[in-house]
Amino acid sequence: MDNSQNVYPVKDDVVTTKEWIITMLILLIPVVNIVMTFVWAFGSNTKPSKANYFKASILFWLIGIGLYLIIMFTGIFSFGILNSYI
């Protein structure tokens, strides 16, 4: 067994509490939050755990937008059908 591989993340790869607080404060700013989400998700200087978090956030955004569109178009379609019979 090779013991040279590090199973646990290196201390430099850990996002500190201070970094998370700054991140959350930046996410409070409209429009900047959207831009920074993509920068942190796909930027090369972002720590892996932070990048994974923001990639998951983008995935949830896409799922939410998809569900919203499905519900919206279903409602419009069913209202259109009901309105034609009245």
N, C-alpha and C. Protein backbone atom coordinates (compact mmCIF):
# COMPACT_ATOMS: atom_id res chain seq x y z
N MET A 1 0.84 -1.18 0.00
CA MET A 1 0.00 0.00 0.00
C MET A 1 0.88 1.24 0.00
N ASP A 2 0.57 2.14 -0.86
CA ASP A 2 1.36 3.36 -0.99
C ASP A 2 0.83 4.41 -0.01
N ASN A 3 1.65 4.82 0.92
CA ASN A 3 1.25 5.80 1.93
C ASN A 3 1.55 7.23 1.52
N SER A 4 2.04 7.42 0.29
CA SER A 4 2.41 8.76 -0.13
C SER A 4 1.21 9.60 -0.55
N GLN A 5 0.06 8.96 -0.76
CA GLN A 5 -1.14 9.71 -1.15
C GLN A 5 -1.83 10.27 0.09
N ASN A 6 -2.24 11.51 -0.01
CA ASN A 6 -2.91 12.16 1.10
C ASN A 6 -4.42 11.96 0.93
N VAL A 7 -5.04 11.29 1.89
CA VAL A 7 -6.47 11.00 1.82
C VAL A 7 -7.28 12.24 2.17
N TYR A 8 -6.80 13.03 3.09
CA TYR A 8 -7.52 14.20 3.56
C TYR A 8 -7.08 15.43 2.78
N PRO A 9 -7.99 16.42 2.64
CA PRO A 9 -7.60 17.62 1.90
C PRO A 9 -6.46 18.37 2.57
N VAL A 10 -5.65 18.99 1.79
CA VAL A 10 -4.56 19.80 2.30
C VAL A 10 -5.18 21.03 2.96
N LYS A 11 -4.54 21.54 3.98
CA LYS A 11 -5.06 22.69 4.73
C LYS A 11 -5.35 23.88 3.80
N ASP A 12 -4.58 24.06 2.74
CA ASP A 12 -4.78 25.17 1.82
C ASP A 12 -6.07 25.02 1.01
N ASP A 13 -6.57 23.80 0.87
CA ASP A 13 -7.78 23.56 0.08
C ASP A 13 -9.06 23.77 0.87
N VAL A 14 -8.95 23.99 2.17
CA VAL A 14 -10.11 24.17 3.02
C VAL A 14 -10.56 25.63 2.94
N VAL A 15 -11.86 25.84 2.73
CA VAL A 15 -12.41 27.19 2.71
C VAL A 15 -12.68 27.59 4.16
N THR A 16 -12.09 28.68 4.57
CA THR A 16 -12.22 29.10 5.96
C THR A 16 -13.56 29.79 6.21
N THR A 17 -13.89 29.94 7.47
CA THR A 17 -15.12 30.63 7.85
C THR A 17 -15.11 32.07 7.35
N LYS A 18 -13.98 32.72 7.44
CA LYS A 18 -13.85 34.10 6.96
C LYS A 18 -14.15 34.17 5.46
N GLU A 19 -13.62 33.22 4.68
CA GLU A 19 -13.89 33.21 3.24
C GLU A 19 -15.36 32.99 2.93
N TRP A 20 -16.02 32.11 3.72
CA TRP A 20 -17.45 31.87 3.50
C TRP A 20 -18.27 33.11 3.84
N ILE A 21 -17.90 33.83 4.88
CA ILE A 21 -18.62 35.05 5.25
C ILE A 21 -18.49 36.09 4.15
N ILE A 22 -17.27 36.26 3.63
CA ILE A 22 -17.06 37.20 2.52
C ILE A 22 -17.86 36.76 1.30
N THR A 23 -17.86 35.46 1.04
CA THR A 23 -18.63 34.91 -0.09
C THR A 23 -20.11 35.22 0.06
N MET A 24 -20.65 35.01 1.25
CA MET A 24 -22.07 35.27 1.48
C MET A 24 -22.40 36.76 1.35
N LEU A 25 -21.51 37.62 1.81
CA LEU A 25 -21.73 39.06 1.67
C LEU A 25 -21.73 39.47 0.19
N ILE A 26 -20.84 38.89 -0.59
CA ILE A 26 -20.81 39.18 -2.03
C ILE A 26 -22.08 38.68 -2.70
N LEU A 27 -22.60 37.55 -2.25
CA LEU A 27 -23.82 36.99 -2.84
C LEU A 27 -25.07 37.83 -2.53
N LEU A 28 -24.97 38.76 -1.60
CA LEU A 28 -26.09 39.65 -1.29
C LEU A 28 -26.24 40.78 -2.31
N ILE A 29 -25.22 41.01 -3.13
CA ILE A 29 -25.23 42.11 -4.08
C ILE A 29 -25.90 41.64 -5.38
N PRO A 30 -27.00 42.29 -5.79
CA PRO A 30 -27.69 41.88 -7.01
C PRO A 30 -26.76 41.95 -8.24
N VAL A 31 -26.98 41.08 -9.17
CA VAL A 31 -26.24 40.92 -10.43
C VAL A 31 -24.81 40.42 -10.19
N VAL A 32 -24.12 41.01 -9.21
CA VAL A 32 -22.78 40.55 -8.89
C VAL A 32 -22.83 39.09 -8.43
N ASN A 33 -23.90 38.72 -7.70
CA ASN A 33 -24.01 37.36 -7.20
C ASN A 33 -24.07 36.34 -8.35
N ILE A 34 -24.75 36.68 -9.43
CA ILE A 34 -24.84 35.76 -10.57
C ILE A 34 -23.48 35.63 -11.25
N VAL A 35 -22.82 36.75 -11.47
CA VAL A 35 -21.51 36.73 -12.12
C VAL A 35 -20.51 35.95 -11.26
N MET A 36 -20.48 36.25 -9.98
CA MET A 36 -19.51 35.61 -9.10
C MET A 36 -19.77 34.12 -8.92
N THR A 37 -21.03 33.71 -9.00
CA THR A 37 -21.34 32.28 -8.92
C THR A 37 -20.65 31.54 -10.06
N PHE A 38 -20.71 32.10 -11.27
CA PHE A 38 -20.05 31.46 -12.40
C PHE A 38 -18.53 31.55 -12.31
N VAL A 39 -18.03 32.67 -11.79
CA VAL A 39 -16.57 32.82 -11.62
C VAL A 39 -16.06 31.78 -10.63
N TRP A 40 -16.76 31.64 -9.50
CA TRP A 40 -16.32 30.67 -8.49
C TRP A 40 -16.53 29.23 -8.95
N ALA A 41 -17.56 28.97 -9.73
CA ALA A 41 -17.82 27.61 -10.18
C ALA A 41 -16.80 27.15 -11.21
N PHE A 42 -16.40 28.04 -12.11
CA PHE A 42 -15.56 27.62 -13.23
C PHE A 42 -14.19 28.30 -13.26
N GLY A 43 -13.88 29.11 -12.27
CA GLY A 43 -12.58 29.78 -12.22
C GLY A 43 -11.47 28.81 -11.83
N SER A 44 -10.29 29.07 -12.34
CA SER A 44 -9.17 28.16 -12.07
C SER A 44 -8.51 28.41 -10.71
N ASN A 45 -8.75 29.55 -10.10
CA ASN A 45 -8.13 29.86 -8.81
C ASN A 45 -9.03 29.56 -7.62
N THR A 46 -10.18 28.95 -7.87
CA THR A 46 -11.13 28.67 -6.80
C THR A 46 -10.81 27.33 -6.14
N LYS A 47 -10.94 27.28 -4.84
CA LYS A 47 -10.71 26.02 -4.12
C LYS A 47 -11.75 24.99 -4.55
N PRO A 48 -11.36 23.71 -4.64
CA PRO A 48 -12.25 22.68 -5.17
C PRO A 48 -13.60 22.56 -4.46
N SER A 49 -13.61 22.66 -3.14
CA SER A 49 -14.87 22.52 -2.42
C SER A 49 -15.81 23.69 -2.72
N LYS A 50 -15.26 24.88 -2.84
CA LYS A 50 -16.06 26.06 -3.16
C LYS A 50 -16.59 25.98 -4.59
N ALA A 51 -15.74 25.53 -5.52
CA ALA A 51 -16.15 25.37 -6.91
C ALA A 51 -17.28 24.34 -7.02
N ASN A 52 -17.16 23.24 -6.31
CA ASN A 52 -18.21 22.21 -6.34
C ASN A 52 -19.53 22.73 -5.78
N TYR A 53 -19.45 23.53 -4.72
CA TYR A 53 -20.66 24.11 -4.15
C TYR A 53 -21.38 24.99 -5.17
N PHE A 54 -20.64 25.83 -5.88
CA PHE A 54 -21.27 26.73 -6.82
C PHE A 54 -21.72 26.01 -8.10
N LYS A 55 -21.04 24.94 -8.48
CA LYS A 55 -21.53 24.12 -9.60
C LYS A 55 -22.87 23.49 -9.22
N ALA A 56 -22.98 23.02 -7.98
CA ALA A 56 -24.25 22.45 -7.51
C ALA A 56 -25.33 23.53 -7.46
N SER A 57 -24.96 24.75 -7.07
CA SER A 57 -25.92 25.86 -7.05
C SER A 57 -26.47 26.14 -8.44
N ILE A 58 -25.58 26.16 -9.43
CA ILE A 58 -26.02 26.39 -10.81
C ILE A 58 -26.94 25.28 -11.27
N LEU A 59 -26.62 24.04 -10.90
CA LEU A 59 -27.48 22.91 -11.26
C LEU A 59 -28.87 23.07 -10.65
N PHE A 60 -28.94 23.50 -9.39
CA PHE A 60 -30.24 23.73 -8.75
C PHE A 60 -30.99 24.87 -9.43
N TRP A 61 -30.28 25.92 -9.83
CA TRP A 61 -30.92 27.02 -10.58
C TRP A 61 -31.56 26.48 -11.85
N LEU A 62 -30.81 25.67 -12.58
CA LEU A 62 -31.33 25.14 -13.85
C LEU A 62 -32.54 24.23 -13.63
N ILE A 63 -32.48 23.41 -12.60
CA ILE A 63 -33.63 22.55 -12.27
C ILE A 63 -34.83 23.42 -11.90
N GLY A 64 -34.63 24.43 -11.08
CA GLY A 64 -35.72 25.33 -10.68
C GLY A 64 -36.32 26.07 -11.86
N ILE A 65 -35.48 26.57 -12.76
CA ILE A 65 -35.98 27.26 -13.94
C ILE A 65 -36.75 26.30 -14.83
N GLY A 66 -36.25 25.08 -14.98
CA GLY A 66 -36.94 24.07 -15.78
C GLY A 66 -38.31 23.74 -15.20
N LEU A 67 -38.38 23.53 -13.90
CA LEU A 67 -39.67 23.24 -13.26
C LEU A 67 -40.61 24.42 -13.38
N TYR A 68 -40.10 25.63 -13.22
CA TYR A 68 -40.92 26.82 -13.36
C TYR A 68 -41.52 26.90 -14.76
N LEU A 69 -40.70 26.65 -15.78
CA LEU A 69 -41.19 26.72 -17.16
C LEU A 69 -42.24 25.64 -17.44
N ILE A 70 -42.01 24.45 -16.91
CA ILE A 70 -42.98 23.37 -17.10
C ILE A 70 -44.31 23.75 -16.46
N ILE A 71 -44.27 24.23 -15.23
CA ILE A 71 -45.50 24.61 -14.53
C ILE A 71 -46.19 25.78 -15.22
N MET A 72 -45.39 26.75 -15.66
CA MET A 72 -45.96 27.93 -16.32
C MET A 72 -46.65 27.53 -17.63
N PHE A 73 -45.97 26.76 -18.47
CA PHE A 73 -46.57 26.37 -19.75
C PHE A 73 -47.75 25.42 -19.56
N THR A 74 -47.70 24.57 -18.55
CA THR A 74 -48.83 23.70 -18.25
C THR A 74 -50.04 24.54 -17.83
N GLY A 75 -49.79 25.54 -17.00
CA GLY A 75 -50.89 26.42 -16.58
C GLY A 75 -51.46 27.22 -17.74
N ILE A 76 -50.60 27.76 -18.59
CA ILE A 76 -51.08 28.52 -19.75
C ILE A 76 -51.86 27.62 -20.69
N PHE A 77 -51.34 26.42 -20.92
CA PHE A 77 -52.02 25.49 -21.83
C PHE A 77 -53.37 25.07 -21.27
N SER A 78 -53.42 24.71 -19.99
CA SER A 78 -54.69 24.27 -19.42
C SER A 78 -55.68 25.42 -19.31
N PHE A 79 -55.22 26.63 -19.04
CA PHE A 79 -56.11 27.78 -19.01
C PHE A 79 -56.65 28.06 -20.41
N GLY A 80 -55.81 27.92 -21.41
CA GLY A 80 -56.25 28.11 -22.79
C GLY A 80 -57.30 27.09 -23.20
N ILE A 81 -57.14 25.87 -22.78
CA ILE A 81 -58.13 24.81 -23.08
C ILE A 81 -59.44 25.11 -22.36
N LEU A 82 -59.36 25.45 -21.07
CA LEU A 82 -60.56 25.74 -20.31
C LEU A 82 -61.27 26.98 -20.84
N ASN A 83 -60.52 27.97 -21.23
CA ASN A 83 -61.09 29.22 -21.72
C ASN A 83 -61.83 29.00 -23.03
N SER A 84 -61.40 28.06 -23.86
CA SER A 84 -62.06 27.84 -25.14
C SER A 84 -63.42 27.13 -24.97
N TYR A 85 -63.63 26.43 -23.84
CA TYR A 85 -64.89 25.73 -23.60
C TYR A 85 -65.90 26.60 -22.87
N ILE A 86 -65.47 27.73 -22.36
CA ILE A 86 -66.39 28.58 -21.58
C ILE A 86 -67.09 29.54 -22.49
